[in-house]
Amino acid sequence: MAKESMKAREVKRKKLVEKYAAKRAKLKAEGDYIGLSKLPKNSSAIRMHNRCTLTGRPKGYMRQFGLSRITFREMASAGLIPGIKKASW
């Protein structure tokens, strides 16, 4: 499970990305790279981490489900994910 501080940092980054998205798009379209460099670094969407929605784990993330591989496997074994059957894993 991820530390609460790491989860909070990701939430903060997400808010910054949403806040500056329009401004970033405008500056990129104009080609104003000096203006882009003056924006906060964490306002870039590339600095976001994908994290498991249940555990906050950053590694082994499955984008289609929004879960880490471990959580996905546990839920699939318990029959909580529709359409997924347990194979030989």
C-alpha atoms as a PDB file:
ATOM      1  CA  MET A   1       0.000   0.000   0.000  1.00  0.00           C
ATOM      2  CA  ALA A   2       1.291   3.449  -0.885  1.00  0.00           C
ATOM      3  CA  LYS A   3       2.115   6.068   1.700  1.00  0.00           C
ATOM      4  CA  GLU A   4      -0.574   8.672   2.291  1.00  0.00           C
ATOM      5  CA  SER A   5       1.923  11.423   1.475  1.00  0.00           C
ATOM      6  CA  MET A   6       2.585   9.918  -1.962  1.00  0.00           C
ATOM      7  CA  LYS A   7      -1.144   9.691  -2.693  1.00  0.00           C
ATOM      8  CA  ALA A   8      -1.596  13.299  -1.568  1.00  0.00           C
ATOM      9  CA  ARG A   9       1.242  14.408  -3.838  1.00  0.00           C
ATOM     10  CA  GLU A  10      -0.473  12.781  -6.822  1.00  0.00           C
ATOM     11  CA  VAL A  11      -3.770  14.506  -5.978  1.00  0.00           C
ATOM     12  CA  LYS A  12      -1.947  17.833  -5.810  1.00  0.00           C
ATOM     13  CA  ARG A  13      -0.312  17.191  -9.198  1.00  0.00           C
ATOM     14  CA  LYS A  14      -3.663  16.266 -10.714  1.00  0.00           C
ATOM     15  CA  LYS A  15      -5.168  19.569  -9.558  1.00  0.00           C
ATOM     16  CA  LEU A  16      -2.226  21.512 -11.022  1.00  0.00           C
ATOM     17  CA  VAL A  17      -2.542  19.699 -14.352  1.00  0.00           C
ATOM     18  CA  GLU A  18      -6.255  20.529 -14.539  1.00  0.00           C
ATOM     19  CA  LYS A  19      -5.644  24.148 -13.533  1.00  0.00           C
ATOM     20  CA  TYR A  20      -2.966  24.830 -16.153  1.00  0.00           C
ATOM     21  CA  ALA A  21      -4.184  22.575 -19.002  1.00  0.00           C
ATOM     22  CA  ALA A  22      -5.772  25.344 -21.075  1.00  0.00           C
ATOM     23  CA  LYS A  23      -2.862  27.718 -20.512  1.00  0.00           C
ATOM     24  CA  ARG A  24      -0.351  25.021 -21.490  1.00  0.00           C
ATOM     25  CA  ALA A  25      -2.269  24.189 -24.681  1.00  0.00           C
ATOM     26  CA  LYS A  26      -2.397  27.867 -25.650  1.00  0.00           C
ATOM     27  CA  LEU A  27       1.324  28.396 -25.046  1.00  0.00           C
ATOM     28  CA  LYS A  28       2.216  25.234 -26.976  1.00  0.00           C
ATOM     29  CA  ALA A  29       0.058  26.303 -29.931  1.00  0.00           C
ATOM     30  CA  GLU A  30       1.797  29.696 -29.989  1.00  0.00           C
ATOM     31  CA  GLY A  31       5.225  28.088 -29.656  1.00  0.00           C
ATOM     32  CA  ASP A  32       6.011  30.152 -26.555  1.00  0.00           C
ATOM     33  CA  TYR A  33       8.450  27.792 -24.836  1.00  0.00           C
ATOM     34  CA  ILE A  34       9.766  30.488 -22.530  1.00  0.00           C
ATOM     35  CA  GLY A  35       6.248  30.963 -21.154  1.00  0.00           C
ATOM     36  CA  LEU A  36       5.907  27.198 -20.790  1.00  0.00           C
ATOM     37  CA  SER A  37       9.117  27.004 -18.788  1.00  0.00           C
ATOM     38  CA  LYS A  38       7.763  29.577 -16.323  1.00  0.00           C
ATOM     39  CA  LEU A  39       4.782  27.374 -15.430  1.00  0.00           C
ATOM     40  CA  PRO A  40       5.110  24.980 -12.458  1.00  0.00           C
ATOM     41  CA  LYS A  41       6.855  21.756 -13.440  1.00  0.00           C
ATOM     42  CA  ASN A  42       4.176  19.601 -11.818  1.00  0.00           C
ATOM     43  CA  SER A  43       1.540  21.205 -14.046  1.00  0.00           C
ATOM     44  CA  SER A  44       2.700  18.988 -16.909  1.00  0.00           C
ATOM     45  CA  ALA A  45       0.546  15.896 -17.436  1.00  0.00           C
ATOM     46  CA  ILE A  46       3.642  13.808 -18.143  1.00  0.00           C
ATOM     47  CA  ARG A  47       4.627  14.004 -14.455  1.00  0.00           C
ATOM     48  CA  MET A  48       1.494  12.158 -13.319  1.00  0.00           C
ATOM     49  CA  HIS A  49       1.781   8.554 -12.109  1.00  0.00           C
ATOM     50  CA  ASN A  50      -0.856   5.955 -12.738  1.00  0.00           C
ATOM     51  CA  ARG A  51      -1.819   4.428  -9.405  1.00  0.00           C
ATOM     52  CA  CYS A  52      -4.122   1.599  -8.382  1.00  0.00           C
ATOM     53  CA  THR A  53      -7.439   3.090  -7.308  1.00  0.00           C
ATOM     54  CA  LEU A  54      -7.741   0.731  -4.327  1.00  0.00           C
ATOM     55  CA  THR A  55      -4.216   0.411  -2.966  1.00  0.00           C
ATOM     56  CA  GLY A  56      -2.363   3.336  -4.548  1.00  0.00           C
ATOM     57  CA  ARG A  57       0.362   1.033  -5.862  1.00  0.00           C
ATOM     58  CA  PRO A  58       2.254   2.685  -8.762  1.00  0.00           C
ATOM     59  CA  LYS A  59       3.865  -0.431 -10.247  1.00  0.00           C
ATOM     60  CA  GLY A  60       2.130  -3.136 -12.252  1.00  0.00           C
ATOM     61  CA  TYR A  61      -0.722  -0.793 -13.179  1.00  0.00           C
ATOM     62  CA  MET A  62      -3.341  -2.106 -15.618  1.00  0.00           C
ATOM     63  CA  ARG A  63      -4.778   0.933 -17.383  1.00  0.00           C
ATOM     64  CA  GLN A  64      -7.896  -0.823 -18.686  1.00  0.00           C
ATOM     65  CA  PHE A  65      -9.064  -1.633 -15.155  1.00  0.00           C
ATOM     66  CA  GLY A  66      -7.368   1.116 -13.124  1.00  0.00           C
ATOM     67  CA  LEU A  67      -5.901  -1.507 -10.801  1.00  0.00           C
ATOM     68  CA  SER A  68      -2.502  -2.951  -9.997  1.00  0.00           C
ATOM     69  CA  ARG A  69      -1.806  -6.487 -11.165  1.00  0.00           C
ATOM     70  CA  ILE A  70      -1.995  -7.839  -7.611  1.00  0.00           C
ATOM     71  CA  THR A  71      -5.362  -6.251  -6.853  1.00  0.00           C
ATOM     72  CA  PHE A  72      -6.650  -7.349 -10.264  1.00  0.00           C
ATOM     73  CA  ARG A  73      -5.671 -10.944  -9.569  1.00  0.00           C
ATOM     74  CA  GLU A  74      -7.279 -10.958  -6.127  1.00  0.00           C
ATOM     75  CA  MET A  75     -10.511  -9.484  -7.469  1.00  0.00           C
ATOM     76  CA  ALA A  76     -10.590 -11.834 -10.464  1.00  0.00           C
ATOM     77  CA  SER A  77     -10.108 -14.857  -8.203  1.00  0.00           C
ATOM     78  CA  ALA A  78     -12.960 -13.665  -5.998  1.00  0.00           C
ATOM     79  CA  GLY A  79     -15.185 -13.200  -9.074  1.00  0.00           C
ATOM     80  CA  LEU A  80     -15.551  -9.437  -8.578  1.00  0.00           C
ATOM     81  CA  ILE A  81     -14.550  -8.490 -12.129  1.00  0.00           C
ATOM     82  CA  PRO A  82     -17.223  -9.466 -14.685  1.00  0.00           C
ATOM     83  CA  GLY A  83     -16.044 -11.327 -17.767  1.00  0.00           C
ATOM     84  CA  ILE A  84     -12.753 -12.487 -16.252  1.00  0.00           C
ATOM     85  CA  LYS A  85     -12.259 -16.189 -15.628  1.00  0.00           C
ATOM     86  CA  LYS A  86      -9.407 -17.632 -13.668  1.00  0.00           C
ATOM     87  CA  ALA A  87      -7.022 -19.364 -15.997  1.00  0.00           C
ATOM     88  CA  SER A  88      -3.846 -21.181 -15.037  1.00  0.00           C
ATOM     89  CA  TRP A  89      -1.966 -18.483 -13.218  1.00  0.00           C
END
